[in-house]
Amino acid sequence: MAYSATGETIEALASEIGDKIYIDIANWHLYLREAHLHTTLAERMMHLVSDNEISDASVHKVLKDVQVKIGGGKRELALTDLIPASGVADLVDVLEEFQRNL
C-alpha cells in the first residue's frame, strides 16, 4: 500500500531518525538531528516506507547515496560509512515501526 508523503509525515519520520540514529566518529556519537542530516535522510527513506520496500539492502543503498561533507568540504563520505552496523539495524527498525503506525 503506497502512502502520500506530506511535510508533516516527513517531519515525523525525521524526528524519529534524528533522535535514534547517529554517526560514529572516533567513538563519539553525533545524532543525525545534531548533524542536520535527519530531514534529508527522512526524505530519501520515505519512498521505502511508502512503497513497502524496507530491507537491509534498500536502506544500505539509500545510505550509500547520501554523501556527507567532512573536513570543511574537502572530502565526502557515504552516510553508510559513518553509521555503525547496529545503527543501520536500528534505522530499519525505525522505518518498519513508522510504517506500521501510518
PDB file of N, CA and C in Angstrom:
ATOM      1  N   MET A   1       0.843  -1.180   0.000  1.00  0.00           N
ATOM      2  CA  MET A   1       0.000   0.000   0.000  1.00  0.00           C
ATOM      3  C   MET A   1       0.884   1.237   0.000  1.00  0.00           C
ATOM      4  N   ALA A   2       0.708   2.128  -0.927  1.00  0.00           N
ATOM      5  CA  ALA A   2       1.506   3.338  -1.028  1.00  0.00           C
ATOM      6  C   ALA A   2       0.859   4.458  -0.226  1.00  0.00           C
ATOM      7  N   TYR A   3       1.692   5.268   0.413  1.00  0.00           N
ATOM      8  CA  TYR A   3       1.234   6.400   1.204  1.00  0.00           C
ATOM      9  C   TYR A   3       1.688   7.674   0.536  1.00  0.00           C
ATOM     10  N   SER A   4       0.904   8.717   0.694  1.00  0.00           N
ATOM     11  CA  SER A   4       1.294  10.019   0.183  1.00  0.00           C
ATOM     12  C   SER A   4       2.107  10.722   1.263  1.00  0.00           C
ATOM     13  N   ALA A   5       3.327  11.064   0.954  1.00  0.00           N
ATOM     14  CA  ALA A   5       4.205  11.699   1.931  1.00  0.00           C
ATOM     15  C   ALA A   5       3.921  13.189   2.007  1.00  0.00           C
ATOM     16  N   THR A   6       3.429  13.626   3.158  1.00  0.00           N
ATOM     17  CA  THR A   6       3.201  15.041   3.389  1.00  0.00           C
ATOM     18  C   THR A   6       4.400  15.605   4.143  1.00  0.00           C
ATOM     19  N   GLY A   7       4.451  16.913   4.230  1.00  0.00           N
ATOM     20  CA  GLY A   7       5.515  17.546   5.002  1.00  0.00           C
ATOM     21  C   GLY A   7       5.494  17.100   6.451  1.00  0.00           C
ATOM     22  N   GLU A   8       4.301  16.954   7.009  1.00  0.00           N
ATOM     23  CA  GLU A   8       4.174  16.506   8.396  1.00  0.00           C
ATOM     24  C   GLU A   8       4.671  15.078   8.568  1.00  0.00           C
ATOM     25  N   THR A   9       4.378  14.224   7.597  1.00  0.00           N
ATOM     26  CA  THR A   9       4.820  12.832   7.660  1.00  0.00           C
ATOM     27  C   THR A   9       6.337  12.758   7.607  1.00  0.00           C
ATOM     28  N   ILE A  10       6.934  13.525   6.718  1.00  0.00           N
ATOM     29  CA  ILE A  10       8.398  13.537   6.611  1.00  0.00           C
ATOM     30  C   ILE A  10       9.013  14.107   7.882  1.00  0.00           C
ATOM     31  N   GLU A  11       8.410  15.172   8.441  1.00  0.00           N
ATOM     32  CA  GLU A  11       8.908  15.748   9.697  1.00  0.00           C
ATOM     33  C   GLU A  11       8.860  14.732  10.823  1.00  0.00           C
ATOM     34  N   ALA A  12       7.769  13.970  10.892  1.00  0.00           N
ATOM     35  CA  ALA A  12       7.631  12.957  11.944  1.00  0.00           C
ATOM     36  C   ALA A  12       8.695  11.877  11.798  1.00  0.00           C
ATOM     37  N   LEU A  13       8.927  11.418  10.566  1.00  0.00           N
ATOM     38  CA  LEU A  13       9.968  10.425  10.331  1.00  0.00           C
ATOM     39  C   LEU A  13      11.340  11.012  10.637  1.00  0.00           C
ATOM     40  N   ALA A  14      11.577  12.248  10.234  1.00  0.00           N
ATOM     41  CA  ALA A  14      12.858  12.905  10.508  1.00  0.00           C
ATOM     42  C   ALA A  14      13.113  12.994  12.011  1.00  0.00           C
ATOM     43  N   SER A  15      12.075  13.275  12.773  1.00  0.00           N
ATOM     44  CA  SER A  15      12.208  13.356  14.221  1.00  0.00           C
ATOM     45  C   SER A  15      12.627  12.019  14.812  1.00  0.00           C
ATOM     46  N   GLU A  16      11.992  10.942  14.352  1.00  0.00           N
ATOM     47  CA  GLU A  16      12.344   9.602  14.818  1.00  0.00           C
ATOM     48  C   GLU A  16      13.792   9.257  14.468  1.00  0.00           C
ATOM     49  N   ILE A  17      14.166   9.537  13.237  1.00  0.00           N
ATOM     50  CA  ILE A  17      15.532   9.251  12.781  1.00  0.00           C
ATOM     51  C   ILE A  17      16.539  10.092  13.554  1.00  0.00           C
ATOM     52  N   GLY A  18      16.248  11.369  13.694  1.00  0.00           N
ATOM     53  CA  GLY A  18      17.177  12.293  14.335  1.00  0.00           C
ATOM     54  C   GLY A  18      17.463  11.978  15.782  1.00  0.00           C
ATOM     55  N   ASP A  19      16.467  11.416  16.473  1.00  0.00           N
ATOM     56  CA  ASP A  19      16.626  11.097  17.894  1.00  0.00           C
ATOM     57  C   ASP A  19      17.266   9.744  18.152  1.00  0.00           C
ATOM     58  N   LYS A  20      17.247   8.844  17.174  1.00  0.00           N
ATOM     59  CA  LYS A  20      17.677   7.467  17.429  1.00  0.00           C
ATOM     60  C   LYS A  20      18.905   7.024  16.650  1.00  0.00           C
ATOM     61  N   ILE A  21      19.226   7.692  15.551  1.00  0.00           N
ATOM     62  CA  ILE A  21      20.316   7.242  14.681  1.00  0.00           C
ATOM     63  C   ILE A  21      21.474   8.245  14.773  1.00  0.00           C
ATOM     64  N   TYR A  22      22.677   7.711  14.848  1.00  0.00           N
ATOM     65  CA  TYR A  22      23.854   8.570  14.983  1.00  0.00           C
ATOM     66  C   TYR A  22      24.974   8.114  14.065  1.00  0.00           C
ATOM     67  N   ILE A  23      25.881   9.047  13.811  1.00  0.00           N
ATOM     68  CA  ILE A  23      27.125   8.697  13.148  1.00  0.00           C
ATOM     69  C   ILE A  23      28.172   8.535  14.248  1.00  0.00           C
ATOM     70  N   ASP A  24      29.122   7.680  14.005  1.00  0.00           N
ATOM     71  CA  ASP A  24      30.151   7.378  14.991  1.00  0.00           C
ATOM     72  C   ASP A  24      31.491   7.846  14.432  1.00  0.00           C
ATOM     73  N   ILE A  25      32.066   8.831  15.101  1.00  0.00           N
ATOM     74  CA  ILE A  25      33.367   9.358  14.709  1.00  0.00           C
ATOM     75  C   ILE A  25      34.289   9.223  15.918  1.00  0.00           C
ATOM     76  N   ALA A  26      35.277   8.359  15.824  1.00  0.00           N
ATOM     77  CA  ALA A  26      36.243   8.139  16.907  1.00  0.00           C
ATOM     78  C   ALA A  26      35.527   7.883  18.234  1.00  0.00           C
ATOM     79  N   ASN A  27      34.500   7.044  18.188  1.00  0.00           N
ATOM     80  CA  ASN A  27      33.691   6.678  19.349  1.00  0.00           C
ATOM     81  C   ASN A  27      32.847   7.827  19.915  1.00  0.00           C
ATOM     82  N   TRP A  28      32.716   8.900  19.170  1.00  0.00           N
ATOM     83  CA  TRP A  28      31.796   9.976  19.538  1.00  0.00           C
ATOM     84  C   TRP A  28      30.521   9.762  18.741  1.00  0.00           C
ATOM     85  N   HIS A  29      29.390   9.858  19.410  1.00  0.00           N
ATOM     86  CA  HIS A  29      28.097   9.668  18.755  1.00  0.00           C
ATOM     87  C   HIS A  29      27.478  11.023  18.467  1.00  0.00           C
ATOM     88  N   LEU A  30      27.314  11.300  17.195  1.00  0.00           N
ATOM     89  CA  LEU A  30      26.671  12.538  16.755  1.00  0.00           C
ATOM     90  C   LEU A  30      25.340  12.146  16.124  1.00  0.00           C
ATOM     91  N   TYR A  31      24.256  12.467  16.844  1.00  0.00           N
ATOM     92  CA  TYR A  31      22.931  12.099  16.346  1.00  0.00           C
ATOM     93  C   TYR A  31      22.613  12.894  15.086  1.00  0.00           C
ATOM     94  N   LEU A  32      21.868  12.269  14.196  1.00  0.00           N
ATOM     95  CA  LEU A  32      21.611  12.885  12.894  1.00  0.00           C
ATOM     96  C   LEU A  32      20.883  14.216  13.007  1.00  0.00           C
ATOM     97  N   ARG A  33      20.085  14.407  14.071  1.00  0.00           N
ATOM     98  CA  ARG A  33      19.455  15.717  14.286  1.00  0.00           C
ATOM     99  C   ARG A  33      20.539  16.780  14.485  1.00  0.00           C
ATOM    100  N   GLU A  34      21.517  16.466  15.309  1.00  0.00           N
ATOM    101  CA  GLU A  34      22.602  17.411  15.591  1.00  0.00           C
ATOM    102  C   GLU A  34      23.456  17.675  14.359  1.00  0.00           C
ATOM    103  N   ALA A  35      23.574  16.681  13.504  1.00  0.00           N
ATOM    104  CA  ALA A  35      24.369  16.811  12.281  1.00  0.00           C
ATOM    105  C   ALA A  35      23.556  17.411  11.133  1.00  0.00           C
ATOM    106  N   HIS A  36      22.285  17.715  11.394  1.00  0.00           N
ATOM    107  CA  HIS A  36      21.376  18.278  10.384  1.00  0.00           C
ATOM    108  C   HIS A  36      21.234  17.360   9.166  1.00  0.00           C
ATOM    109  N   LEU A  37      21.211  16.061   9.429  1.00  0.00           N
ATOM    110  CA  LEU A  37      21.058  15.072   8.353  1.00  0.00           C
ATOM    111  C   LEU A  37      19.730  14.321   8.441  1.00  0.00           C
ATOM    112  N   HIS A  38      18.981  14.518   9.509  1.00  0.00           N
ATOM    113  CA  HIS A  38      17.766  13.739   9.738  1.00  0.00           C
ATOM    114  C   HIS A  38      16.671  14.006   8.714  1.00  0.00           C
ATOM    115  N   THR A  39      16.484  15.248   8.305  1.00  0.00           N
ATOM    116  CA  THR A  39      15.429  15.564   7.340  1.00  0.00           C
ATOM    117  C   THR A  39      15.793  15.051   5.954  1.00  0.00           C
ATOM    118  N   THR A  40      17.027  15.251   5.557  1.00  0.00           N
ATOM    119  CA  THR A  40      17.485  14.740   4.262  1.00  0.00           C
ATOM    120  C   THR A  40      17.302  13.231   4.193  1.00  0.00           C
ATOM    121  N   LEU A  41      17.684  12.546   5.268  1.00  0.00           N
ATOM    122  CA  LEU A  41      17.567  11.092   5.268  1.00  0.00           C
ATOM    123  C   LEU A  41      16.102  10.668   5.266  1.00  0.00           C
ATOM    124  N   ALA A  42      15.262  11.366   6.008  1.00  0.00           N
ATOM    125  CA  ALA A  42      13.830  11.039   6.024  1.00  0.00           C
ATOM    126  C   ALA A  42      13.226  11.202   4.632  1.00  0.00           C
ATOM    127  N   GLU A  43      13.586  12.275   3.952  1.00  0.00           N
ATOM    128  CA  GLU A  43      13.072  12.490   2.590  1.00  0.00           C
ATOM    129  C   GLU A  43      13.500  11.353   1.667  1.00  0.00           C
ATOM    130  N   ARG A  44      14.727  10.903   1.818  1.00  0.00           N
ATOM    131  CA  ARG A  44      15.241   9.831   0.949  1.00  0.00           C
ATOM    132  C   ARG A  44      14.667   8.461   1.315  1.00  0.00           C
ATOM    133  N   MET A  45      14.361   8.268   2.599  1.00  0.00           N
ATOM    134  CA  MET A  45      13.838   6.977   3.059  1.00  0.00           C
ATOM    135  C   MET A  45      12.334   6.855   2.876  1.00  0.00           C
ATOM    136  N   MET A  46      11.651   7.964   2.692  1.00  0.00           N
ATOM    137  CA  MET A  46      10.195   7.934   2.651  1.00  0.00           C
ATOM    138  C   MET A  46       9.664   7.035   1.545  1.00  0.00           C
ATOM    139  N   HIS A  47      10.347   6.969   0.406  1.00  0.00           N
ATOM    140  CA  HIS A  47       9.854   6.097  -0.671  1.00  0.00           C
ATOM    141  C   HIS A  47       9.912   4.627  -0.270  1.00  0.00           C
ATOM    142  N   LEU A  48      10.888   4.248   0.567  1.00  0.00           N
ATOM    143  CA  LEU A  48      10.938   2.867   1.041  1.00  0.00           C
ATOM    144  C   LEU A  48       9.725   2.561   1.916  1.00  0.00           C
ATOM    145  N   VAL A  49       9.353   3.524   2.740  1.00  0.00           N
ATOM    146  CA  VAL A  49       8.194   3.366   3.616  1.00  0.00           C
ATOM    147  C   VAL A  49       6.916   3.315   2.788  1.00  0.00           C
ATOM    148  N   SER A  50       6.771   4.268   1.883  1.00  0.00           N
ATOM    149  CA  SER A  50       5.517   4.368   1.128  1.00  0.00           C
ATOM    150  C   SER A  50       5.343   3.231   0.123  1.00  0.00           C
ATOM    151  N   ASP A  51       6.456   2.693  -0.383  1.00  0.00           N
ATOM    152  CA  ASP A  51       6.376   1.608  -1.368  1.00  0.00           C
ATOM    153  C   ASP A  51       6.530   0.226  -0.733  1.00  0.00           C
ATOM    154  N   ASN A  52       6.584   0.190   0.609  1.00  0.00           N
ATOM    155  CA  ASN A  52       6.720  -1.066   1.339  1.00  0.00           C
ATOM    156  C   ASN A  52       7.964  -1.840   0.876  1.00  0.00           C
ATOM    157  N   GLU A  53       9.098  -1.133   0.782  1.00  0.00           N
ATOM    158  CA  GLU A  53      10.345  -1.736   0.300  1.00  0.00           C
ATOM    159  C   GLU A  53      11.472  -1.645   1.330  1.00  0.00           C
ATOM    160  N   ILE A  54      11.113  -1.693   2.608  1.00  0.00           N
ATOM    161  CA  ILE A  54      12.116  -1.590   3.661  1.00  0.00           C
ATOM    162  C   ILE A  54      12.838  -2.925   3.799  1.00  0.00           C
ATOM    163  N   SER A  55      14.153  -2.883   3.622  1.00  0.00           N
ATOM    164  CA  SER A  55      15.006  -4.057   3.822  1.00  0.00           C
ATOM    165  C   SER A  55      16.412  -3.546   4.146  1.00  0.00           C
ATOM    166  N   ASP A  56      17.243  -4.425   4.663  1.00  0.00           N
ATOM    167  CA  ASP A  56      18.628  -4.026   4.936  1.00  0.00           C
ATOM    168  C   ASP A  56      19.295  -3.509   3.666  1.00  0.00           C
ATOM    169  N   ALA A  57      19.087  -4.213   2.565  1.00  0.00           N
ATOM    170  CA  ALA A  57      19.740  -3.838   1.301  1.00  0.00           C
ATOM    171  C   ALA A  57      19.244  -2.480   0.798  1.00  0.00           C
ATOM    172  N   SER A  58      17.942  -2.244   0.861  1.00  0.00           N
ATOM    173  CA  SER A  58      17.412  -0.971   0.356  1.00  0.00           C
ATOM    174  C   SER A  58      17.858   0.195   1.231  1.00  0.00           C
ATOM    175  N   VAL A  59      17.922  -0.024   2.543  1.00  0.00           N
ATOM    176  CA  VAL A  59      18.390   1.035   3.453  1.00  0.00           C
ATOM    177  C   VAL A  59      19.865   1.322   3.200  1.00  0.00           C
ATOM    178  N   HIS A  60      20.674   0.279   3.038  1.00  0.00           N
ATOM    179  CA  HIS A  60      22.102   0.473   2.737  1.00  0.00           C
ATOM    180  C   HIS A  60      22.285   1.247   1.431  1.00  0.00           C
ATOM    181  N   LYS A  61      21.463   0.962   0.443  1.00  0.00           N
ATOM    182  CA  LYS A  61      21.580   1.661  -0.837  1.00  0.00           C
ATOM    183  C   LYS A  61      21.320   3.154  -0.667  1.00  0.00           C
ATOM    184  N   VAL A  62      20.285   3.500   0.076  1.00  0.00           N
ATOM    185  CA  VAL A  62      19.990   4.918   0.308  1.00  0.00           C
ATOM    186  C   VAL A  62      21.125   5.562   1.093  1.00  0.00           C
ATOM    187  N   LEU A  63      21.593   4.891   2.141  1.00  0.00           N
ATOM    188  CA  LEU A  63      22.689   5.444   2.945  1.00  0.00           C
ATOM    189  C   LEU A  63      23.952   5.640   2.116  1.00  0.00           C
ATOM    190  N   LYS A  64      24.192   4.752   1.180  1.00  0.00           N
ATOM    191  CA  LYS A  64      25.361   4.879   0.304  1.00  0.00           C
ATOM    192  C   LYS A  64      25.240   6.099  -0.602  1.00  0.00           C
ATOM    193  N   ASP A  65      24.009   6.424  -0.986  1.00  0.00           N
ATOM    194  CA  ASP A  65      23.788   7.551  -1.890  1.00  0.00           C
ATOM    195  C   ASP A  65      23.827   8.915  -1.194  1.00  0.00           C
ATOM    196  N   VAL A  66      23.698   8.926   0.139  1.00  0.00           N
ATOM    197  CA  VAL A  66      23.744  10.195   0.879  1.00  0.00           C
ATOM    198  C   VAL A  66      25.199  10.490   1.214  1.00  0.00           C
ATOM    199  N   GLN A  67      25.724  11.524   0.621  1.00  0.00           N
ATOM    200  CA  GLN A  67      27.117  11.912   0.824  1.00  0.00           C
ATOM    201  C   GLN A  67      27.209  13.011   1.883  1.00  0.00           C
ATOM    202  N   VAL A  68      28.156  12.847   2.810  1.00  0.00           N
ATOM    203  CA  VAL A  68      28.351  13.790   3.910  1.00  0.00           C
ATOM    204  C   VAL A  68      29.700  14.467   3.724  1.00  0.00           C
ATOM    205  N   LYS A  69      29.674  15.798   3.688  1.00  0.00           N
ATOM    206  CA  LYS A  69      30.928  16.547   3.558  1.00  0.00           C
ATOM    207  C   LYS A  69      31.641  16.582   4.903  1.00  0.00           C
ATOM    208  N   ILE A  70      32.933  16.309   4.869  1.00  0.00           N
ATOM    209  CA  ILE A  70      33.747  16.367   6.080  1.00  0.00           C
ATOM    210  C   ILE A  70      34.976  17.222   5.805  1.00  0.00           C
ATOM    211  N   GLY A  71      35.590  17.678   6.883  1.00  0.00           N
ATOM    212  CA  GLY A  71      36.809  18.481   6.742  1.00  0.00           C
ATOM    213  C   GLY A  71      36.570  19.772   5.995  1.00  0.00           C
ATOM    214  N   GLY A  72      35.432  20.417   6.279  1.00  0.00           N
ATOM    215  CA  GLY A  72      35.137  21.678   5.598  1.00  0.00           C
ATOM    216  C   GLY A  72      34.851  21.487   4.121  1.00  0.00           C
ATOM    217  N   GLY A  73      34.413  20.306   3.757  1.00  0.00           N
ATOM    218  CA  GLY A  73      34.069  20.035   2.367  1.00  0.00           C
ATOM    219  C   GLY A  73      35.204  19.481   1.535  1.00  0.00           C
ATOM    220  N   LYS A  74      36.349  19.199   2.187  1.00  0.00           N
ATOM    221  CA  LYS A  74      37.491  18.653   1.443  1.00  0.00           C
ATOM    222  C   LYS A  74      37.236  17.243   0.948  1.00  0.00           C
ATOM    223  N   ARG A  75      36.394  16.500   1.686  1.00  0.00           N
ATOM    224  CA  ARG A  75      36.067  15.122   1.313  1.00  0.00           C
ATOM    225  C   ARG A  75      34.602  14.874   1.553  1.00  0.00           C
ATOM    226  N   GLU A  76      34.112  13.840   0.920  1.00  0.00           N
ATOM    227  CA  GLU A  76      32.750  13.379   1.164  1.00  0.00           C
ATOM    228  C   GLU A  76      32.800  11.884   1.434  1.00  0.00           C
ATOM    229  N   LEU A  77      31.996  11.468   2.409  1.00  0.00           N
ATOM    230  CA  LEU A  77      31.867  10.047   2.720  1.00  0.00           C
ATOM    231  C   LEU A  77      30.399   9.678   2.652  1.00  0.00           C
ATOM    232  N   ALA A  78      30.143   8.455   2.248  1.00  0.00           N
ATOM    233  CA  ALA A  78      28.773   7.965   2.236  1.00  0.00           C
ATOM    234  C   ALA A  78      28.304   7.799   3.679  1.00  0.00           C
ATOM    235  N   LEU A  79      27.050   8.126   3.924  1.00  0.00           N
ATOM    236  CA  LEU A  79      26.492   8.005   5.268  1.00  0.00           C
ATOM    237  C   LEU A  79      26.597   6.572   5.777  1.00  0.00           C
ATOM    238  N   THR A  80      26.545   5.614   4.888  1.00  0.00           N
ATOM    239  CA  THR A  80      26.683   4.211   5.297  1.00  0.00           C
ATOM    240  C   THR A  80      28.042   3.936   5.934  1.00  0.00           C
ATOM    241  N   ASP A  81      29.063   4.720   5.596  1.00  0.00           N
ATOM    242  CA  ASP A  81      30.391   4.551   6.182  1.00  0.00           C
ATOM    243  C   ASP A  81      30.495   5.182   7.565  1.00  0.00           C
ATOM    244  N   LEU A  82      29.530   6.003   7.938  1.00  0.00           N
ATOM    245  CA  LEU A  82      29.587   6.725   9.209  1.00  0.00           C
ATOM    246  C   LEU A  82      28.651   6.172  10.277  1.00  0.00           C
ATOM    247  N   ILE A  83      27.648   5.416   9.861  1.00  0.00           N
ATOM    248  CA  ILE A  83      26.700   4.835  10.806  1.00  0.00           C
ATOM    249  C   ILE A  83      27.128   3.397  11.095  1.00  0.00           C
ATOM    250  N   PRO A  84      27.284   3.042  12.373  1.00  0.00           N
ATOM    251  CA  PRO A  84      27.678   1.660  12.680  1.00  0.00           C
ATOM    252  C   PRO A  84      26.592   0.664  12.279  1.00  0.00           C
ATOM    253  N   ALA A  85      26.975  -0.605  12.150  1.00  0.00           N
ATOM    254  CA  ALA A  85      26.030  -1.644  11.736  1.00  0.00           C
ATOM    255  C   ALA A  85      24.810  -1.693  12.644  1.00  0.00           C
ATOM    256  N   SER A  86      25.015  -1.514  13.933  1.00  0.00           N
ATOM    257  CA  SER A  86      23.874  -1.520  14.862  1.00  0.00           C
ATOM    258  C   SER A  86      22.933  -0.353  14.581  1.00  0.00           C
ATOM    259  N   GLY A  87      23.485   0.763  14.150  1.00  0.00           N
ATOM    260  CA  GLY A  87      22.671   1.929  13.809  1.00  0.00           C
ATOM    261  C   GLY A  87      21.845   1.699  12.555  1.00  0.00           C
ATOM    262  N   VAL A  88      22.401   0.969  11.600  1.00  0.00           N
ATOM    263  CA  VAL A  88      21.659   0.637  10.383  1.00  0.00           C
ATOM    264  C   VAL A  88      20.490  -0.285  10.742  1.00  0.00           C
ATOM    265  N   ALA A  89      20.748  -1.257  11.612  1.00  0.00           N
ATOM    266  CA  ALA A  89      19.670  -2.148  12.066  1.00  0.00           C
ATOM    267  C   ALA A  89      18.605  -1.349  12.807  1.00  0.00           C
ATOM    268  N   ASP A  90      19.030  -0.389  13.616  1.00  0.00           N
ATOM    269  CA  ASP A  90      18.074   0.476  14.328  1.00  0.00           C
ATOM    270  C   ASP A  90      17.260   1.302  13.340  1.00  0.00           C
ATOM    271  N   LEU A  91      17.902   1.768  12.281  1.00  0.00           N
ATOM    272  CA  LEU A  91      17.203   2.556  11.267  1.00  0.00           C
ATOM    273  C   LEU A  91      16.132   1.717  10.574  1.00  0.00           C
ATOM    274  N   VAL A  92      16.461   0.486  10.248  1.00  0.00           N
ATOM    275  CA  VAL A  92      15.469  -0.420   9.650  1.00  0.00           C
ATOM    276  C   VAL A  92      14.284  -0.577  10.609  1.00  0.00           C
ATOM    277  N   ASP A  93      14.572  -0.750  11.896  1.00  0.00           N
ATOM    278  CA  ASP A  93      13.508  -0.871  12.898  1.00  0.00           C
ATOM    279  C   ASP A  93      12.656   0.391  12.969  1.00  0.00           C
ATOM    280  N   VAL A  94      13.296   1.557  12.946  1.00  0.00           N
ATOM    281  CA  VAL A  94      12.569   2.833  12.979  1.00  0.00           C
ATOM    282  C   VAL A  94      11.631   2.935  11.776  1.00  0.00           C
ATOM    283  N   LEU A  95      12.137   2.589  10.607  1.00  0.00           N
ATOM    284  CA  LEU A  95      11.328   2.676   9.391  1.00  0.00           C
ATOM    285  C   LEU A  95      10.151   1.710   9.437  1.00  0.00           C
ATOM    286  N   GLU A  96      10.402   0.488   9.893  1.00  0.00           N
ATOM    287  CA  GLU A  96       9.321  -0.501   9.962  1.00  0.00           C
ATOM    288  C   GLU A  96       8.257  -0.084  10.972  1.00  0.00           C
ATOM    289  N   GLU A  97       8.681   0.426  12.128  1.00  0.00           N
ATOM    290  CA  GLU A  97       7.715   0.876  13.135  1.00  0.00           C
ATOM    291  C   GLU A  97       6.936   2.075  12.621  1.00  0.00           C
ATOM    292  N   PHE A  98       7.615   2.989  11.966  1.00  0.00           N
ATOM    293  CA  PHE A  98       6.945   4.168  11.409  1.00  0.00           C
ATOM    294  C   PHE A  98       5.894   3.743  10.388  1.00  0.00           C
ATOM    295  N   GLN A  99       6.249   2.794   9.548  1.00  0.00           N
ATOM    296  CA  GLN A  99       5.327   2.299   8.536  1.00  0.00           C
ATOM    297  C   GLN A  99       4.097   1.659   9.183  1.00  0.00           C
ATOM    298  N   ARG A 100       4.298   0.885  10.233  1.00  0.00           N
ATOM    299  CA  ARG A 100       3.166   0.250  10.921  1.00  0.00           C
ATOM    300  C   ARG A 100       2.226   1.276  11.528  1.00  0.00           C
ATOM    301  N   ASN A 101       2.766   2.409  11.954  1.00  0.00           N
ATOM    302  CA  ASN A 101       1.967   3.433  12.616  1.00  0.00           C
ATOM    303  C   ASN A 101       1.290   4.408  11.669  1.00  0.00           C
ATOM    304  N   LEU A 102       1.549   4.281  10.382  1.00  0.00           N
ATOM    305  CA  LEU A 102       0.891   5.171   9.410  1.00  0.00           C
ATOM    306  C   LEU A 102      -0.570   4.839   9.276  1.00  0.00           C
TER     307      LEU A 102
END
